[in-house]
């Protein structure tokens, strides 16, 4: 098997070499094409993270019940991503192996992005069960369709990128992801700055937020189309040759439960770190707007101008967080050696722990920039190092299935955190800033848990 190297010359990759050697070295243009699509995907996720709590409180949700609505997205991810992984492992057609799922998921996600911010605009009434259920179902489908879009981007890196370029690819993907977050979270702030109304009738989501979701839908479609057109996946024979597999072995497709039983040890070790990490992150999404509003604007009234200003400022802070993640990815993460992955994993999680705990004590909108920069480093690290550490232990078979199953280590802690919030939130005195202390402690435990991981480069 021969392929073009990064410099354009033809290089041979004998099937007797190790996985990192016989996967070809890809050009940076190819890596760009397979990672840039995350720009659009993360616009959807960033708006969900930065605006979902705001939307639900605006249409009349009791803050003590917010955790219920944040159970639905990870529940969707736990169901859909393993299925996408399993069935895309068996999908080979003229559109590729992973790309057909993106071809379906992107238009569906765009439709839901348009519907969700209009939950309060159909005359259901402030705090009505109909409005809340419409928003809840829209949120469920938004996360389901966004997961259908996201999973192919993760899997194609495992399929096509060699070990030497893997940190670069994951870092680029997360850098583009965070750039999408920058754009998405800045839109409401910019629209309000140029005079578009940032408040609406009681129970309705402001126009600034609705327009942000509409733009995200359009960009998600465009970036996904670009990736589908430009990324040419390996056919079954090429894939088998590059991964040192027998083509006939790929027909063997054990069930997901069987794959879990046979999962490499590192799968479970990383999952422990993931549990404490994503347990904390869920509370950032759920309580950030309310915490900032209370600490800085001294109000918890969702209909107030102060609360809506806090929502926009959280968007700006999320933007700053994303910029910090991009810079960390480009300047630090993309240059790390495989043997240093665990060290930088710990550094990134520790930065987030400091950031979370600091938010509880800060009452200046501008000083909040510091903890969100630290959390940005965490976002980059927690979305790159776990996948690098996992895929280095996989042999090329069932890679999509394992990446899909691994997503449960992201979704399950969010569900646990949501359920636990019904007990923890009253325990901290119904304090939304207090939930960041809980998150900070969880990130400290995540940092310590990295020591449990056994990397093949140790």
Protein backbone atom coordinates (compact mmCIF):
# COMPACT_ATOMS: atom_id res chain seq x y z
CA UNK A 1 0.00 0.00 0.00
CA UNK A 2 1.39 3.41 -0.94
CA UNK A 3 0.16 6.88 -0.05
CA UNK A 4 1.28 10.46 -0.39
CA UNK A 5 3.17 11.80 2.60
CA UNK A 6 2.85 15.29 4.10
CA UNK A 7 5.52 16.51 1.68
CA UNK A 8 3.78 14.95 -1.32
CA UNK A 9 6.19 12.04 -1.89
CA UNK A 10 5.02 8.45 -2.04
CA UNK A 11 5.91 6.35 0.97
CA UNK A 12 5.36 2.65 1.62
CA UNK A 13 3.73 1.28 4.77
CA UNK A 14 4.23 -2.47 5.10
CA UNK A 15 1.55 -4.35 7.00
CA UNK A 16 4.18 -5.81 9.33
CA UNK A 17 4.86 -2.45 10.98
CA UNK A 18 3.19 -1.21 14.14
CA UNK A 19 -0.03 0.77 14.00
CA UNK A 20 1.66 4.17 14.43
CA UNK A 21 4.08 3.33 11.59
CA UNK A 22 1.86 1.86 8.93
CA UNK A 23 -0.88 4.48 9.15
CA UNK A 24 0.28 7.06 6.61
CA UNK A 25 1.46 10.53 7.54
CA UNK A 26 -1.31 12.90 6.47
CA UNK A 27 -0.90 16.35 4.99
CA UNK A 28 -1.92 19.25 7.19
CA UNK A 29 -4.59 20.10 4.62
CA UNK A 30 -6.17 16.67 5.16
CA UNK A 31 -6.04 17.06 8.94
CA UNK A 32 -7.61 20.50 8.55
CA UNK A 33 -10.45 19.05 6.48
CA UNK A 34 -11.24 16.31 9.01
CA UNK A 35 -11.11 18.66 12.03
CA UNK A 36 -12.55 21.97 10.83
CA UNK A 37 -16.12 20.64 10.84
CA UNK A 38 -16.01 20.73 14.63
CA UNK A 39 -16.24 24.53 14.33
CA UNK A 40 -19.90 24.23 13.36
CA UNK A 41 -20.69 21.31 15.67
CA UNK A 42 -19.42 23.14 18.71
CA UNK A 43 -21.42 26.25 17.90
CA UNK A 44 -24.45 24.13 18.76
CA UNK A 45 -22.88 22.70 21.92
CA UNK A 46 -21.55 26.09 23.05
CA UNK A 47 -24.97 27.69 22.76
CA UNK A 48 -26.38 24.77 24.70
CA UNK A 49 -23.76 25.23 27.43
CA UNK A 50 -23.96 29.02 27.64
CA UNK A 51 -27.65 29.65 26.98
CA UNK A 52 -29.65 26.59 28.02
CA UNK A 53 -29.87 27.51 31.70
CA UNK A 54 -30.82 31.04 30.65
CA UNK A 55 -33.52 29.77 28.27
CA UNK A 56 -35.12 27.47 30.85
CA UNK A 57 -35.12 30.11 33.59
CA UNK A 58 -36.46 32.70 31.15
CA UNK A 59 -39.47 30.52 30.27
CA UNK A 60 -40.19 29.94 33.97
CA UNK A 61 -38.20 26.96 35.29
CA UNK A 62 -37.58 26.74 39.04
CA UNK A 63 -33.75 26.90 39.55
CA UNK A 64 -33.98 23.96 41.95
CA UNK A 65 -35.37 21.84 39.09
CA UNK A 66 -32.83 22.82 36.43
CA UNK A 67 -30.97 19.55 36.98
CA UNK A 68 -33.89 17.61 35.51
CA UNK A 69 -33.56 19.30 32.12
CA UNK A 70 -29.81 18.72 32.04
CA UNK A 71 -30.33 14.97 32.40
CA UNK A 72 -31.80 14.71 28.91
CA UNK A 73 -28.76 15.73 26.77
CA UNK A 74 -26.27 13.25 28.27
CA UNK A 75 -28.94 10.55 28.27
CA UNK A 76 -29.28 11.06 24.53
CA UNK A 77 -25.50 10.88 24.14
CA UNK A 78 -25.29 7.62 26.09
CA UNK A 79 -27.78 6.02 23.73
CA UNK A 80 -26.87 7.46 20.35
CA UNK A 81 -23.06 7.55 20.36
CA UNK A 82 -22.43 3.84 21.04
CA UNK A 83 -24.99 3.00 18.34
CA UNK A 84 -23.39 5.38 15.85
CA UNK A 85 -20.01 3.87 16.69
CA UNK A 86 -21.16 0.28 16.32
CA UNK A 87 -23.08 0.71 13.08
CA UNK A 88 -20.58 3.05 11.44
CA UNK A 89 -17.91 0.39 12.04
CA UNK A 90 -19.96 -1.72 9.62
CA UNK A 91 -20.87 1.05 7.16
CA UNK A 92 -18.94 1.19 3.91
CA UNK A 93 -20.53 2.97 0.95
CA UNK A 94 -19.66 5.59 -1.64
CA UNK A 95 -19.96 8.37 0.96
CA UNK A 96 -17.46 6.63 3.25
CA UNK A 97 -17.68 4.96 6.62
CA UNK A 98 -18.39 7.78 9.10
CA UNK A 99 -19.51 10.58 6.75
CA UNK A 100 -22.98 9.13 5.95
CA UNK A 101 -24.00 9.76 9.57
CA UNK A 102 -22.83 13.35 9.36
CA UNK A 103 -24.83 13.71 6.16
CA UNK A 104 -27.99 12.79 8.09
CA UNK A 105 -27.19 14.43 11.41
CA UNK A 106 -26.25 17.93 10.24
CA UNK A 107 -29.62 18.90 8.64
CA UNK A 108 -31.55 17.41 11.58
CA UNK A 109 -29.41 19.33 14.09
CA UNK A 110 -29.96 22.57 12.17
CA UNK A 111 -33.75 22.17 12.38
CA UNK A 112 -33.67 21.62 16.15
CA UNK A 113 -31.35 24.61 16.63
CA UNK A 114 -34.04 26.77 15.03
CA UNK A 115 -36.84 25.34 17.19
CA UNK A 116 -35.26 25.33 20.68
CA UNK A 117 -34.96 29.11 21.36
CA UNK A 118 -38.59 29.57 20.34
CA UNK A 119 -39.88 27.50 23.25
CA UNK A 120 -41.43 30.61 24.80
CA UNK A 121 -42.77 32.04 21.56
CA UNK A 122 -45.69 29.73 20.83
CA UNK A 123 -48.12 31.14 23.38
CA UNK A 124 -47.75 28.33 25.92
CA UNK A 125 -47.47 30.80 28.81
CA UNK A 126 -44.76 31.61 31.36
CA UNK A 127 -43.83 28.57 33.43
CA UNK A 128 -46.44 26.39 31.72
CA UNK A 129 -45.87 22.66 31.47
CA UNK A 130 -46.30 22.87 27.68
CA UNK A 131 -43.49 25.42 27.30
CA UNK A 132 -41.16 23.49 29.57
CA UNK A 133 -41.84 20.16 27.89
CA UNK A 134 -41.41 21.68 24.43
CA UNK A 135 -38.03 23.04 25.51
CA UNK A 136 -37.08 19.74 27.16
CA UNK A 137 -37.92 17.65 24.09
CA UNK A 138 -36.17 20.15 21.80
CA UNK A 139 -33.11 19.96 24.07
CA UNK A 140 -33.18 16.17 23.92
CA UNK A 141 -33.28 16.18 20.12
CA UNK A 142 -30.72 18.95 19.90
CA UNK A 143 -28.23 16.86 21.83
CA UNK A 144 -29.17 13.69 20.00
CA UNK A 145 -28.64 15.23 16.56
CA UNK A 146 -25.51 17.12 17.65
CA UNK A 147 -24.07 13.80 18.87
CA UNK A 148 -24.82 12.21 15.51
CA UNK A 149 -22.79 15.03 13.94
CA UNK A 150 -19.97 14.97 16.48
CA UNK A 151 -19.18 11.27 16.56
CA UNK A 152 -17.97 10.90 12.94
CA UNK A 153 -15.38 13.64 13.51
CA UNK A 154 -13.93 11.78 16.49
CA UNK A 155 -13.95 8.40 14.77
CA UNK A 156 -12.26 9.54 11.57
CA UNK A 157 -9.19 10.63 13.58
CA UNK A 158 -8.93 7.15 15.10
CA UNK A 159 -9.38 5.64 11.64
CA UNK A 160 -6.91 7.75 9.68
CA UNK A 161 -4.35 9.53 11.89
CA UNK A 162 -1.11 7.90 13.03
CA UNK A 163 0.22 8.10 16.58
CA UNK A 164 2.77 10.80 15.80
CA UNK A 165 0.10 13.17 14.42
CA UNK A 166 -2.71 12.24 16.79
CA UNK A 167 -2.06 14.96 19.39
CA UNK A 168 -1.91 17.50 16.56
CA UNK A 169 -5.22 16.30 15.11
CA UNK A 170 -7.06 16.24 18.45
CA UNK A 171 -5.66 19.68 19.30
CA UNK A 172 -6.72 21.13 15.95
CA UNK A 173 -10.16 19.63 16.32
CA UNK A 174 -10.59 21.15 19.75
CA UNK A 175 -9.10 24.45 18.63
CA UNK A 176 -11.65 24.71 15.84
CA UNK A 177 -14.27 23.53 18.29
CA UNK A 178 -13.39 26.34 20.65
CA UNK A 179 -13.27 28.89 17.84
CA UNK A 180 -16.84 27.84 17.06
CA UNK A 181 -17.57 28.43 20.72
CA UNK A 182 -16.04 31.90 20.48
CA UNK A 183 -18.32 32.85 17.61
CA UNK A 184 -21.44 31.27 19.12
CA UNK A 185 -21.11 32.78 22.56
CA UNK A 186 -20.17 36.26 21.33
CA UNK A 187 -23.15 36.61 19.01
CA UNK A 188 -25.77 37.57 21.68
CA UNK A 189 -23.39 40.12 23.22
CA UNK A 190 -22.55 41.69 19.84
CA UNK A 191 -26.19 41.77 18.75
CA UNK A 192 -27.17 43.50 22.00
CA UNK A 193 -24.28 45.97 21.54
CA UNK A 194 -25.55 47.01 18.10
CA UNK A 195 -29.06 47.56 19.42
CA UNK A 196 -30.99 44.34 18.92
CA UNK A 197 -33.31 43.79 21.93
CA UNK A 198 -31.76 41.69 24.68
CA UNK A 199 -34.98 41.48 26.69
CA UNK A 200 -38.37 40.18 25.64
CA UNK A 201 -41.85 39.72 26.98
CA UNK A 202 -42.05 37.61 30.12
CA UNK A 203 -41.49 33.97 29.24
CA UNK A 204 -39.96 34.67 25.81
CA UNK A 205 -36.31 34.23 24.88
CA UNK A 206 -34.65 37.49 23.72
CA UNK A 207 -34.12 38.03 19.98
CA UNK A 208 -30.34 38.15 20.49
CA UNK A 209 -30.36 34.53 21.66
CA UNK A 210 -32.72 33.35 18.93
CA UNK A 211 -30.59 34.86 16.16
CA UNK A 212 -27.50 33.20 17.65
CA UNK A 213 -29.17 29.80 17.33
CA UNK A 214 -30.26 30.51 13.74
CA UNK A 215 -26.71 31.45 12.72
CA UNK A 216 -25.34 28.34 14.44
CA UNK A 217 -27.73 26.18 12.40
CA UNK A 218 -26.49 27.69 9.12
CA UNK A 219 -22.79 27.40 10.00
CA UNK A 220 -23.19 23.82 11.25
CA UNK A 221 -24.60 22.87 7.86
CA UNK A 222 -21.88 24.65 5.88
CA UNK A 223 -18.92 23.29 7.84
CA UNK A 224 -20.32 19.76 7.80
CA UNK A 225 -20.76 19.91 4.03
CA UNK A 226 -17.14 21.06 3.67
CA UNK A 227 -15.90 18.07 5.69
CA UNK A 228 -18.09 15.61 3.79
CA UNK A 229 -16.76 16.87 0.46
CA UNK A 230 -13.08 17.09 1.40
CA UNK A 231 -12.48 14.03 3.60
CA UNK A 232 -11.97 10.82 1.64
CA UNK A 233 -12.06 7.88 4.01
CA UNK A 234 -10.12 4.68 3.41
CA UNK A 235 -11.96 1.82 1.79
CA UNK A 236 -12.12 -1.55 3.62
CA UNK A 237 -8.96 -2.96 2.01
CA UNK A 238 -6.94 0.19 2.68
CA UNK A 239 -8.18 0.38 6.26
CA UNK A 240 -7.29 -3.25 6.93
CA UNK A 241 -3.81 -2.83 5.41
CA UNK A 242 -3.06 0.35 7.35
CA UNK A 243 -4.20 -1.16 10.66
CA UNK A 244 -2.60 -4.57 10.10
CA UNK A 245 -5.95 -6.38 10.03
CA UNK A 246 -7.35 -9.27 8.07
CA UNK A 247 -10.18 -7.93 5.91
CA UNK A 248 -12.33 -10.93 6.86
CA UNK A 249 -11.92 -10.17 10.56
CA UNK A 250 -13.77 -6.91 10.16
CA UNK A 251 -16.98 -8.84 9.55
CA UNK A 252 -16.82 -10.01 13.16
CA UNK A 253 -19.00 -7.56 15.10
CA UNK A 254 -19.51 -8.53 18.76
CA UNK A 255 -22.22 -6.80 20.76
CA UNK A 256 -21.57 -3.67 22.77
CA UNK A 257 -21.73 -5.54 26.09
CA UNK A 258 -19.14 -8.03 24.83
CA UNK A 259 -16.90 -5.18 23.73
CA UNK A 260 -17.18 -3.63 27.19
CA UNK A 261 -16.04 -6.93 28.73
CA UNK A 262 -13.06 -6.99 26.39
CA UNK A 263 -12.23 -3.27 26.73
CA UNK A 264 -8.58 -2.45 27.47
CA UNK A 265 -7.82 -1.62 31.09
CA UNK A 266 -7.05 1.99 30.22
CA UNK A 267 -10.67 2.42 29.06
CA UNK A 268 -11.86 2.04 32.66
CA UNK A 269 -8.96 3.98 34.18
CA UNK A 270 -9.66 7.04 32.05
CA UNK A 271 -13.38 6.68 32.77
CA UNK A 272 -12.70 7.31 36.47
CA UNK A 273 -11.03 10.62 35.60
CA UNK A 274 -13.86 11.40 33.20
CA UNK A 275 -16.44 10.89 35.93
CA UNK A 276 -15.04 13.56 38.23
CA UNK A 277 -14.29 15.91 35.31
CA UNK A 278 -17.72 15.90 33.69
CA UNK A 279 -19.51 15.86 37.06
CA UNK A 280 -17.96 19.31 37.60
CA UNK A 281 -18.52 20.64 34.08
CA UNK A 282 -22.26 19.96 34.24
CA UNK A 283 -22.59 22.43 37.12
CA UNK A 284 -20.84 25.11 35.09
CA UNK A 285 -23.41 24.77 32.32
CA UNK A 286 -26.33 24.63 34.73
CA UNK A 287 -25.52 27.38 37.22
CA UNK A 288 -23.05 29.80 35.60
CA UNK A 289 -25.52 32.45 34.46
CA UNK A 290 -27.32 32.41 37.81
CA UNK A 291 -24.06 32.48 39.78
CA UNK A 292 -22.70 35.42 37.79
CA UNK A 293 -26.01 37.26 38.04
CA UNK A 294 -26.10 36.83 41.81
CA UNK A 295 -22.43 37.60 42.51
CA UNK A 296 -22.03 40.52 40.11
CA UNK A 297 -25.50 41.95 39.36
CA UNK A 298 -27.01 40.92 42.73
CA UNK A 299 -30.22 39.56 41.23
CA UNK A 300 -31.73 36.14 40.65
CA UNK A 301 -34.78 37.38 38.74
CA UNK A 302 -34.64 35.92 35.19
CA UNK A 303 -36.90 38.71 33.86
CA UNK A 304 -34.55 41.46 35.05
CA UNK A 305 -32.16 43.37 32.82
CA UNK A 306 -29.36 42.42 35.23
CA UNK A 307 -29.98 38.72 34.80
CA UNK A 308 -30.06 38.99 31.01
CA UNK A 309 -26.86 41.08 31.13
CA UNK A 310 -25.28 38.29 33.18
CA UNK A 311 -26.37 35.82 30.50
CA UNK A 312 -24.62 37.87 27.84
CA UNK A 313 -21.52 38.29 30.01
CA UNK A 314 -21.38 34.55 30.54
CA UNK A 315 -21.36 34.31 26.75
CA UNK A 316 -18.35 36.64 26.66
CA UNK A 317 -16.62 34.65 29.40
CA UNK A 318 -17.31 31.44 27.48
CA UNK A 319 -15.75 33.13 24.45
CA UNK A 320 -12.64 34.02 26.50
CA UNK A 321 -12.59 30.45 27.80
CA UNK A 322 -12.65 29.20 24.20
CA UNK A 323 -9.84 31.54 23.14
CA UNK A 324 -7.73 30.32 26.06
CA UNK A 325 -8.42 26.74 24.95
CA UNK A 326 -7.42 27.53 21.36
CA UNK A 327 -4.15 29.16 22.43
CA UNK A 328 -3.34 26.32 24.83
CA UNK A 329 -4.03 23.79 22.10
CA UNK A 330 -1.93 25.54 19.45
CA UNK A 331 0.96 26.68 21.64
CA UNK A 332 1.23 23.79 24.11
CA UNK A 333 -0.93 20.74 23.45
CA UNK A 334 -0.13 20.23 19.76
CA UNK A 335 3.61 20.10 20.56
CA UNK A 336 3.48 17.58 23.39
CA UNK A 337 5.07 14.15 23.15
CA UNK A 338 2.98 10.98 23.71
CA UNK A 339 5.03 10.24 26.83
CA UNK A 340 3.94 13.57 28.40
CA UNK A 341 0.20 13.16 27.91
CA UNK A 342 -0.59 12.30 31.55
CA UNK A 343 1.41 15.24 32.89
CA UNK A 344 -0.42 17.80 30.76
CA UNK A 345 -3.71 16.08 31.54
CA UNK A 346 -3.10 16.73 35.25
CA UNK A 347 -2.00 20.33 34.66
CA UNK A 348 -5.16 21.08 32.69
CA UNK A 349 -7.53 19.57 35.24
CA UNK A 350 -5.80 21.33 38.14
CA UNK A 351 -6.20 24.66 36.33
CA UNK A 352 -9.94 24.06 36.10
CA UNK A 353 -10.17 23.22 39.80
CA UNK A 354 -8.62 26.58 40.67
CA UNK A 355 -10.94 28.33 38.23
CA UNK A 356 -14.12 26.73 39.59
CA UNK A 357 -13.30 27.50 43.22
CA UNK A 358 -12.34 31.10 42.36
CA UNK A 359 -15.76 31.81 40.83
CA UNK A 360 -17.41 31.38 44.23
CA UNK A 361 -15.34 34.24 45.68
CA UNK A 362 -15.27 36.72 42.76
CA UNK A 363 -17.80 39.57 42.54
CA UNK A 364 -16.20 41.58 39.71
CA UNK A 365 -17.26 40.86 36.14
CA UNK A 366 -13.74 41.53 34.87
CA UNK A 367 -11.94 39.44 37.47
CA UNK A 368 -14.10 36.51 36.34
CA UNK A 369 -11.94 36.45 33.21
CA UNK A 370 -9.12 34.77 35.16
CA UNK A 371 -11.01 31.63 36.26
CA UNK A 372 -12.59 31.25 32.84
CA UNK A 373 -9.14 31.30 31.22
CA UNK A 374 -8.15 28.48 33.56
CA UNK A 375 -11.34 26.57 32.75
CA UNK A 376 -10.54 27.03 29.04
CA UNK A 377 -7.30 25.12 29.54
CA UNK A 378 -9.32 22.36 31.20
CA UNK A 379 -11.75 22.21 28.27
CA UNK A 380 -8.93 21.70 25.78
CA UNK A 381 -7.20 19.04 27.85
CA UNK A 382 -10.29 17.05 28.79
CA UNK A 383 -11.39 16.89 25.15
CA UNK A 384 -8.02 15.74 23.78
CA UNK A 385 -5.93 13.73 26.24
CA UNK A 386 -8.56 11.09 27.14
CA UNK A 387 -9.02 10.25 23.44
CA UNK A 388 -5.28 10.17 22.75
CA UNK A 389 -4.71 7.89 25.75
CA UNK A 390 -7.60 5.61 24.73
CA UNK A 391 -6.89 5.31 21.00
CA UNK A 392 -3.21 4.55 21.61
CA UNK A 393 -4.45 1.35 23.33
CA UNK A 394 -6.81 0.29 20.50
CA UNK A 395 -5.76 -1.92 17.60
CA UNK A 396 -7.98 -0.51 14.85
CA UNK A 397 -10.80 -3.02 15.22
CA UNK A 398 -14.12 -1.76 16.61
CA UNK A 399 -12.58 1.70 17.08
CA UNK A 400 -15.87 3.46 16.40
CA UNK A 401 -17.71 1.22 18.85
CA UNK A 402 -15.19 1.88 21.60
CA UNK A 403 -15.24 5.63 21.03
CA UNK A 404 -19.03 5.52 21.16
CA UNK A 405 -19.00 3.49 24.37
CA UNK A 406 -16.36 5.81 25.79
CA UNK A 407 -18.81 8.67 25.39
CA UNK A 408 -20.76 7.08 28.25
CA UNK A 409 -17.89 8.17 30.50
CA UNK A 410 -18.85 11.73 29.51
CA UNK A 411 -22.61 11.33 29.68
CA UNK A 412 -23.06 9.18 32.79
CA UNK A 413 -21.36 11.63 35.20
CA UNK A 414 -23.55 14.42 33.84
CA UNK A 415 -26.64 12.37 34.61
CA UNK A 416 -25.34 11.56 38.10
CA UNK A 417 -24.50 15.25 38.66
CA UNK A 418 -27.96 16.30 37.52
CA UNK A 419 -29.69 13.85 39.85
CA UNK A 420 -27.31 14.68 42.70
CA UNK A 421 -28.06 18.39 42.27
CA UNK A 422 -31.52 17.85 43.78
CA UNK A 423 -29.70 16.98 47.02
CA UNK A 424 -26.51 19.06 46.69
CA UNK A 425 -28.20 22.35 45.70
CA UNK A 426 -30.22 22.59 48.95
CA UNK A 427 -27.15 21.37 50.89
CA UNK A 428 -25.15 24.44 49.75
CA UNK A 429 -27.99 26.74 50.74
CA UNK A 430 -29.62 26.95 47.29
CA UNK A 431 -26.51 28.88 46.23
CA UNK A 432 -25.64 28.73 42.54
CA UNK A 433 -22.13 30.10 43.26
CA UNK A 434 -21.83 27.34 45.86
CA UNK A 435 -22.22 24.72 43.16
CA UNK A 436 -18.89 25.89 41.72
CA UNK A 437 -17.18 24.92 44.97
CA UNK A 438 -18.61 21.43 44.51
CA UNK A 439 -17.33 21.37 40.94
CA UNK A 440 -13.88 22.50 42.03
CA UNK A 441 -13.60 19.67 44.55
CA UNK A 442 -14.63 17.20 41.86
CA UNK A 443 -11.90 18.50 39.52
CA UNK A 444 -9.31 18.06 42.28
CA UNK A 445 -10.36 14.41 42.50
CA UNK A 446 -10.11 14.14 38.70
CA UNK A 447 -6.56 15.53 38.80
CA UNK A 448 -5.51 12.97 41.39
CA UNK A 449 -7.18 10.15 39.46
CA UNK A 450 -4.96 10.67 36.39
CA UNK A 451 -2.27 8.79 38.33
CA UNK A 452 -4.39 5.62 37.95
CA UNK A 453 -3.99 5.61 34.15
CA UNK A 454 -1.47 3.19 32.64
CA UNK A 455 -0.25 4.60 29.33
CA UNK A 456 1.81 2.42 27.00
CA UNK A 457 4.35 5.26 26.97
CA UNK A 458 4.85 5.19 30.77
